[in-house]
Amino acid sequence: MNIIIMIPSLNPDHKLVNYVKQLAGQDFREILVINDGSSALYDPIFDEIRQTDKCTVITHEVNQGKGRALKTGMKYVLEHYPDCVGIVTGDADGQHRLEDTINVANALIEDDNRLVLGSRDFNSPNIPARSSFGNKLTSWVFAVMFGQKLMDTQTGLRGISLKIVPSMLEIDGERFEYEMNMLIECRRRKIPIDEIPIETVYIDENSSSHFNPIVDSVKIYWLIFRSFFSFIFTSVSCTLLDLLLFTLLARLVIPGGFVYRIQLATVLARVVSSVTNFTINKNVVFQKKGHLLSSAVKYFTLAVVQMTISATAVNWLYHTLGWHEVIIKAIVDTILFVINYNIQKNLIFKKG
């Protein structure tokens, strides 16, 4: 197989040596192990790996995190194996079977225009309860936010086409959050993500994992919700800007005797706040490059459509239900806000 196996590792035990030797007995092109700043006590393990056929060890002098280790390995592959099909990443804790690694590699060879996930079944009875709940919750949230249901968003067994490696090197994240960011960027860039089932193996309830349940989970969920929270903050800020500008214009700038003072202040304030909101959403929230005119036309068309729908829906519901118009408007605009976010993310500011 014209596939490179890549394994980031920190303070491993002999399960890594056994896994590497199994891989070396197969038809992979090379096994690449990244020693991510392990203690000198583990040097004998990495020395044994170096002596194994088709194995290379790259060493970080200090721990830099799983994300950085993966990027180091990807850069090495691009430089030394630019003609390979892709990379299959694995974990160093002995929880990936040889057969599953081979299956992921074969799936990548069959179609090298995608990301392949070796996905565990978290309904299995041998899964620790906290792992099952955490992974199911993350999968559900990912599906809601990014439109694809994945069985296992945190699997370390992945087949990465060499064609998408340059894009993966541009992704933020130095530690465990990098793997989630990889999934998010693949969805944004419309890179297919496919899953194949693998055996679920937990050794001593995953006690050898370096994953911090609190710190790393916070980082992962921040990645999932980052653009949405930024969108909310920007919307609130521009709403306050709109109110401030309206007050200044109506009270201090436009003469009080002018007949259309309120209307003019409303329009001028809304133009400035809308342009500000569009600029921040494009460049910061969704980080859309280029296509200024096209994005602007879509954005302001959406604004007009949303305003029309809001006015029509509030009026109709007010006369139909008889509720207070402020309550109705709050409900309608909240629903439209969520829809607005998804349209901007997936249509107006969609990454190519």
Protein backbone atom coordinates (compact mmCIF):
# COMPACT_ATOMS: atom_id res chain seq x y z
CA MET A 1 0.00 0.00 0.00
CA ASN A 2 1.28 3.43 -0.87
CA ILE A 3 0.12 4.63 2.55
CA ILE A 4 2.08 6.24 5.39
CA ILE A 5 1.08 5.28 8.93
CA MET A 6 1.51 8.15 11.38
CA ILE A 7 1.36 7.77 15.18
CA PRO A 8 1.80 10.71 17.59
CA SER A 9 3.03 9.52 20.96
CA LEU A 10 3.73 10.85 24.45
CA ASN A 11 5.28 8.64 27.15
CA PRO A 12 4.12 5.36 25.54
CA ASP A 13 4.41 1.83 26.88
CA HIS A 14 5.16 -1.38 24.97
CA LYS A 15 1.67 -1.45 23.47
CA LEU A 16 3.04 1.06 20.97
CA VAL A 17 5.99 -1.21 20.13
CA ASN A 18 3.64 -4.15 19.55
CA TYR A 19 1.35 -2.05 17.35
CA VAL A 20 4.29 -0.74 15.28
CA LYS A 21 5.72 -4.21 14.76
CA GLN A 22 2.34 -5.47 13.59
CA LEU A 23 2.14 -2.60 11.12
CA ALA A 24 5.70 -3.19 9.93
CA GLY A 25 4.70 -6.71 8.96
CA GLN A 26 2.18 -5.33 6.50
CA ASP A 27 2.60 -3.72 3.10
CA PHE A 28 2.59 -0.10 4.27
CA ARG A 29 5.18 2.22 2.79
CA GLU A 30 6.41 3.62 6.11
CA ILE A 31 5.45 3.88 9.76
CA LEU A 32 6.12 7.35 11.12
CA VAL A 33 6.12 7.85 14.91
CA ILE A 34 6.24 11.35 16.37
CA ASN A 35 7.75 11.45 19.85
CA ASP A 36 6.02 14.51 21.26
CA GLY A 37 8.47 15.42 24.01
CA SER A 38 8.39 12.17 25.97
CA SER A 39 10.52 11.77 29.07
CA ALA A 40 14.00 10.28 28.63
CA LEU A 41 12.70 7.23 30.50
CA TYR A 42 10.90 6.25 27.29
CA ASP A 43 13.95 6.45 25.03
CA PRO A 44 14.36 2.62 24.97
CA ILE A 45 10.86 2.29 23.50
CA PHE A 46 11.57 4.76 20.70
CA ASP A 47 15.00 3.17 20.10
CA GLU A 48 13.31 -0.19 19.61
CA ILE A 49 10.88 1.38 17.16
CA ARG A 50 13.75 2.97 15.19
CA GLN A 51 15.29 -0.46 14.77
CA THR A 52 12.08 -1.84 13.30
CA ASP A 53 11.91 -2.16 9.52
CA LYS A 54 10.24 0.75 7.66
CA CYS A 55 9.97 2.86 10.83
CA THR A 56 11.02 6.46 11.37
CA VAL A 57 10.87 8.43 14.62
CA ILE A 58 10.64 12.22 14.66
CA THR A 59 11.25 13.86 18.04
CA HIS A 60 9.91 17.06 19.58
CA GLU A 61 12.33 18.15 22.30
CA VAL A 62 9.39 19.38 24.40
CA ASN A 63 5.74 18.40 24.40
CA GLN A 64 3.81 20.47 21.86
CA GLY A 65 0.50 18.64 21.73
CA LYS A 66 -1.16 16.06 19.51
CA GLY A 67 -2.24 18.61 16.93
CA ARG A 68 1.30 19.90 16.46
CA ALA A 69 2.65 16.32 16.31
CA LEU A 70 0.18 15.50 13.53
CA LYS A 71 1.20 18.62 11.60
CA THR A 72 4.89 17.75 12.00
CA GLY A 73 4.19 14.32 10.53
CA MET A 74 2.13 15.74 7.66
CA LYS A 75 4.92 18.13 6.70
CA TYR A 76 7.38 15.22 6.72
CA VAL A 77 5.12 13.16 4.46
CA LEU A 78 4.65 16.03 1.99
CA GLU A 79 8.43 16.50 1.77
CA HIS A 80 9.48 12.85 1.57
CA TYR A 81 6.49 11.04 0.03
CA PRO A 82 4.73 13.49 -2.32
CA ASP A 83 3.52 10.58 -4.47
CA CYS A 84 1.79 8.59 -1.72
CA VAL A 85 -1.99 8.12 -1.58
CA GLY A 86 -2.30 9.51 1.91
CA ILE A 87 -1.81 9.09 5.64
CA VAL A 88 -3.49 6.86 8.19
CA THR A 89 -3.18 8.19 11.72
CA GLY A 90 -3.35 5.95 14.77
CA ASP A 91 -3.09 6.27 18.53
CA ALA A 92 -0.20 4.99 20.62
CA ASP A 93 -2.27 3.44 23.41
CA GLY A 94 -2.98 0.07 21.80
CA GLN A 95 -6.66 0.74 21.15
CA HIS A 96 -6.57 0.33 17.37
CA ARG A 97 -6.51 -3.16 15.93
CA LEU A 98 -4.29 -3.98 12.98
CA GLU A 99 -7.33 -5.14 10.97
CA ASP A 100 -9.09 -1.81 11.48
CA THR A 101 -6.01 0.15 10.47
CA ILE A 102 -5.79 -1.89 7.26
CA ASN A 103 -9.49 -1.34 6.56
CA VAL A 104 -9.14 2.43 6.89
CA ALA A 105 -6.11 2.35 4.58
CA ASN A 106 -8.01 0.31 1.99
CA ALA A 107 -10.97 2.68 2.16
CA LEU A 108 -8.65 5.63 1.51
CA ILE A 109 -7.06 3.84 -1.47
CA GLU A 110 -10.52 3.20 -2.95
CA ASP A 111 -11.32 6.93 -2.89
CA ASP A 112 -8.50 9.37 -2.07
CA ASN A 113 -10.59 12.53 -2.24
CA ARG A 114 -11.90 12.37 1.29
CA LEU A 115 -11.32 11.98 5.00
CA VAL A 116 -12.01 8.47 6.33
CA LEU A 117 -12.87 7.95 10.00
CA GLY A 118 -12.50 4.64 11.77
CA SER A 119 -15.57 5.04 13.99
CA ARG A 120 -16.37 3.22 17.21
CA ASP A 121 -19.86 2.13 18.26
CA PHE A 122 -20.62 3.88 21.55
CA ASN A 123 -23.69 1.73 22.14
CA SER A 124 -21.41 -1.23 22.95
CA PRO A 125 -21.69 -2.50 26.56
CA ASN A 126 -17.92 -2.33 27.15
CA ILE A 127 -17.75 1.46 26.71
CA PRO A 128 -17.15 3.47 29.92
CA ALA A 129 -20.30 5.50 30.69
CA ARG A 130 -18.52 8.88 30.65
CA SER A 131 -16.94 8.13 27.26
CA SER A 132 -20.24 6.95 25.77
CA PHE A 133 -22.17 9.99 26.98
CA GLY A 134 -19.46 12.48 25.98
CA ASN A 135 -19.03 11.12 22.47
CA LYS A 136 -22.76 10.83 21.80
CA LEU A 137 -23.32 14.40 22.97
CA THR A 138 -20.48 15.72 20.84
CA SER A 139 -21.75 13.83 17.79
CA TRP A 140 -25.25 15.27 18.25
CA VAL A 141 -23.97 18.83 18.68
CA PHE A 142 -21.70 18.46 15.62
CA ALA A 143 -24.66 17.26 13.55
CA VAL A 144 -26.77 20.24 14.62
CA MET A 145 -24.02 22.80 13.98
CA PHE A 146 -22.43 21.37 10.83
CA GLY A 147 -25.06 19.22 9.19
CA GLN A 148 -23.48 15.74 9.27
CA LYS A 149 -24.07 13.00 11.82
CA LEU A 150 -20.81 11.27 12.70
CA MET A 151 -20.70 8.21 14.94
CA ASP A 152 -17.29 9.10 16.38
CA THR A 153 -15.96 12.66 16.25
CA GLN A 154 -12.98 11.92 18.47
CA THR A 155 -11.47 8.88 16.81
CA GLY A 156 -7.72 8.97 16.29
CA LEU A 157 -7.86 6.39 13.48
CA ARG A 158 -8.22 8.51 10.34
CA GLY A 159 -7.37 8.18 6.67
CA ILE A 160 -6.26 11.55 5.28
CA SER A 161 -5.86 11.91 1.53
CA LEU A 162 -2.59 13.55 0.53
CA LYS A 163 -4.69 15.88 -1.63
CA ILE A 164 -6.19 17.52 1.45
CA VAL A 165 -3.06 17.51 3.64
CA PRO A 166 -2.05 21.08 2.63
CA SER A 167 -5.48 22.28 3.77
CA MET A 168 -5.15 20.35 7.03
CA LEU A 169 -1.85 22.10 7.75
CA GLU A 170 -3.63 25.47 7.66
CA ILE A 171 -5.99 24.50 10.48
CA ASP A 172 -5.61 26.02 13.95
CA GLY A 173 -5.10 23.86 17.02
CA GLU A 174 -2.05 22.39 18.71
CA ARG A 175 -3.55 19.76 20.99
CA PHE A 176 -6.59 17.48 21.02
CA GLU A 177 -8.86 20.23 19.68
CA TYR A 178 -7.03 20.00 16.34
CA GLU A 179 -8.83 16.78 15.45
CA MET A 180 -12.22 18.41 15.92
CA ASN A 181 -11.08 21.42 13.93
CA MET A 182 -10.14 19.03 11.13
CA LEU A 183 -13.73 17.79 10.94
CA ILE A 184 -15.13 21.33 11.05
CA GLU A 185 -12.85 22.52 8.25
CA CYS A 186 -13.68 19.50 6.11
CA ARG A 187 -17.37 20.35 6.43
CA ARG A 188 -16.72 24.01 5.62
CA ARG A 189 -14.53 23.17 2.63
CA LYS A 190 -17.00 20.50 1.42
CA ILE A 191 -14.40 17.74 1.75
CA PRO A 192 -16.29 14.43 2.08
CA ILE A 193 -16.10 12.67 5.46
CA ASP A 194 -16.85 8.96 5.44
CA GLU A 195 -16.90 6.45 8.27
CA ILE A 196 -16.14 2.77 8.51
CA PRO A 197 -16.91 0.82 11.69
CA ILE A 198 -14.04 -0.40 13.86
CA GLU A 199 -13.87 -2.49 16.99
CA THR A 200 -14.24 -0.51 20.19
CA VAL A 201 -11.30 -1.24 22.50
CA TYR A 202 -10.89 0.37 25.92
CA ILE A 203 -7.90 -0.77 27.96
CA ASP A 204 -8.19 -0.02 31.71
CA GLU A 205 -11.00 2.43 30.85
CA ASN A 206 -8.63 4.44 28.68
CA SER A 207 -6.40 5.30 31.66
CA SER A 208 -3.32 5.77 29.42
CA SER A 209 -4.96 8.59 27.46
CA HIS A 210 -3.50 12.09 27.84
CA PHE A 211 -6.90 13.65 27.08
CA ASN A 212 -7.94 16.08 29.84
CA PRO A 213 -11.73 15.69 30.18
CA ILE A 214 -12.24 19.29 31.34
CA VAL A 215 -9.61 21.39 29.58
CA ASP A 216 -9.68 19.55 26.26
CA SER A 217 -13.48 19.25 26.21
CA VAL A 218 -13.80 23.01 26.72
CA LYS A 219 -11.44 23.60 23.79
CA ILE A 220 -13.37 21.17 21.58
CA TYR A 221 -16.77 22.70 22.35
CA TRP A 222 -15.38 26.18 21.88
CA LEU A 223 -14.35 25.16 18.35
CA ILE A 224 -17.83 23.82 17.64
CA PHE A 225 -19.65 26.90 18.92
CA ARG A 226 -16.99 29.55 18.21
CA SER A 227 -18.53 30.98 15.06
CA PHE A 228 -22.04 30.93 16.57
CA PHE A 229 -20.94 32.73 19.75
CA SER A 230 -18.96 35.21 17.66
CA PHE A 231 -22.04 35.72 15.49
CA ILE A 232 -24.15 36.46 18.57
CA PHE A 233 -21.56 38.87 19.99
CA THR A 234 -21.24 40.69 16.67
CA SER A 235 -25.02 40.94 16.26
CA VAL A 236 -25.51 42.33 19.76
CA SER A 237 -22.62 44.79 19.32
CA CYS A 238 -23.99 46.07 16.01
CA THR A 239 -27.47 46.38 17.50
CA LEU A 240 -26.03 48.58 20.25
CA LEU A 241 -24.09 50.53 17.63
CA ASP A 242 -27.32 51.04 15.68
CA LEU A 243 -29.06 52.34 18.80
CA LEU A 244 -26.16 54.63 19.72
CA LEU A 245 -25.93 56.12 16.22
CA PHE A 246 -29.69 56.62 16.05
CA THR A 247 -29.64 58.46 19.39
CA LEU A 248 -26.72 60.70 18.38
CA LEU A 249 -28.23 61.51 14.99
CA ALA A 250 -31.76 62.10 16.23
CA ARG A 251 -30.75 64.08 19.30
CA LEU A 252 -27.59 65.96 18.35
CA VAL A 253 -26.87 65.93 14.61
CA ILE A 254 -30.13 66.29 12.69
CA PRO A 255 -32.01 69.52 13.45
CA GLY A 256 -35.03 68.97 15.66
CA GLY A 257 -37.34 70.84 13.35
CA PHE A 258 -36.62 68.57 10.38
CA VAL A 259 -39.82 66.70 9.47
CA TYR A 260 -38.14 63.38 8.61
CA ARG A 261 -35.63 63.44 11.48
CA ILE A 262 -36.60 60.02 12.87
CA GLN A 263 -36.69 58.34 9.47
CA LEU A 264 -33.33 59.79 8.39
CA ALA A 265 -31.66 58.89 11.69
CA THR A 266 -33.04 55.33 11.43
CA VAL A 267 -31.78 54.83 7.87
CA LEU A 268 -28.31 56.31 8.47
CA ALA A 269 -27.79 54.33 11.68
CA ARG A 270 -28.98 51.11 10.05
CA VAL A 271 -26.68 51.57 7.03
CA VAL A 272 -23.60 52.06 9.22
CA SER A 273 -24.44 49.18 11.60
CA SER A 274 -25.31 46.82 8.72
CA VAL A 275 -22.07 47.55 6.84
CA THR A 276 -20.13 47.05 10.10
CA ASN A 277 -21.92 43.76 10.77
CA PHE A 278 -21.31 42.52 7.23
CA THR A 279 -17.59 43.39 7.41
CA ILE A 280 -17.04 41.66 10.76
CA ASN A 281 -19.03 38.56 9.78
CA LYS A 282 -17.15 38.22 6.51
CA ASN A 283 -13.64 38.76 7.82
CA VAL A 284 -13.76 37.58 11.43
CA VAL A 285 -16.74 35.33 12.19
CA PHE A 286 -16.78 33.25 8.98
CA GLN A 287 -13.36 34.29 7.61
CA LYS A 288 -14.51 34.43 4.01
CA LYS A 289 -11.80 35.55 1.59
CA GLY A 290 -12.54 37.51 -1.59
CA HIS A 291 -15.93 37.73 -3.36
CA LEU A 292 -16.78 41.02 -1.66
CA LEU A 293 -19.49 42.14 -4.10
CA SER A 294 -21.17 38.73 -4.34
CA SER A 295 -21.20 38.28 -0.56
CA ALA A 296 -22.50 41.83 -0.04
CA VAL A 297 -25.40 41.35 -2.48
CA LYS A 298 -26.41 38.09 -0.80
CA TYR A 299 -26.03 39.55 2.70
CA PHE A 300 -28.17 42.63 2.14
CA THR A 301 -30.73 40.63 0.17
CA LEU A 302 -31.00 38.31 3.17
CA ALA A 303 -31.42 41.33 5.46
CA VAL A 304 -34.34 42.65 3.39
CA VAL A 305 -35.97 39.19 3.17
CA GLN A 306 -35.58 38.62 6.90
CA MET A 307 -37.07 42.01 7.72
CA THR A 308 -40.04 41.33 5.42
CA ILE A 309 -40.66 37.87 6.89
CA SER A 310 -40.40 39.22 10.43
CA ALA A 311 -42.92 42.02 9.82
CA THR A 312 -45.34 39.70 8.01
CA ALA A 313 -45.10 36.87 10.55
CA VAL A 314 -45.45 39.13 13.60
CA ASN A 315 -48.47 40.86 12.11
CA TRP A 316 -50.17 37.58 11.15
CA LEU A 317 -49.48 35.89 14.51
CA TYR A 318 -50.62 38.97 16.41
CA HIS A 319 -54.02 38.96 14.72
CA THR A 320 -54.28 35.15 14.83
CA LEU A 321 -53.17 34.40 18.39
CA GLY A 322 -53.86 37.72 20.06
CA TRP A 323 -50.58 37.62 22.02
CA HIS A 324 -48.60 40.71 22.91
CA GLU A 325 -46.73 41.88 19.80
CA VAL A 326 -43.41 42.21 21.66
CA ILE A 327 -43.53 38.57 22.78
CA ILE A 328 -44.40 37.44 19.26
CA LYS A 329 -41.60 39.52 17.75
CA ALA A 330 -39.07 38.12 20.24
CA ILE A 331 -40.01 34.53 19.32
CA VAL A 332 -40.09 35.15 15.56
CA ASP A 333 -36.81 37.07 15.51
CA THR A 334 -35.05 34.43 17.63
CA ILE A 335 -36.02 31.73 15.11
CA LEU A 336 -35.00 33.95 12.21
CA PHE A 337 -31.69 34.69 13.97
CA VAL A 338 -30.74 31.00 14.02
CA ILE A 339 -31.83 30.58 10.39
CA ASN A 340 -29.89 33.73 9.47
CA TYR A 341 -26.73 32.31 11.05
CA ASN A 342 -26.95 29.05 9.11
CA ILE A 343 -27.64 30.84 5.81
CA GLN A 344 -24.66 33.13 6.31
CA LYS A 345 -22.40 30.22 7.31
CA ASN A 346 -23.46 27.80 4.57
CA LEU A 347 -24.32 30.13 1.70
CA ILE A 348 -23.18 33.73 1.96
CA PHE A 349 -19.80 33.23 3.64
CA LYS A 350 -19.26 29.57 2.74
CA LYS A 351 -15.63 28.54 2.37
CA GLY A 352 -14.70 26.95 -0.94
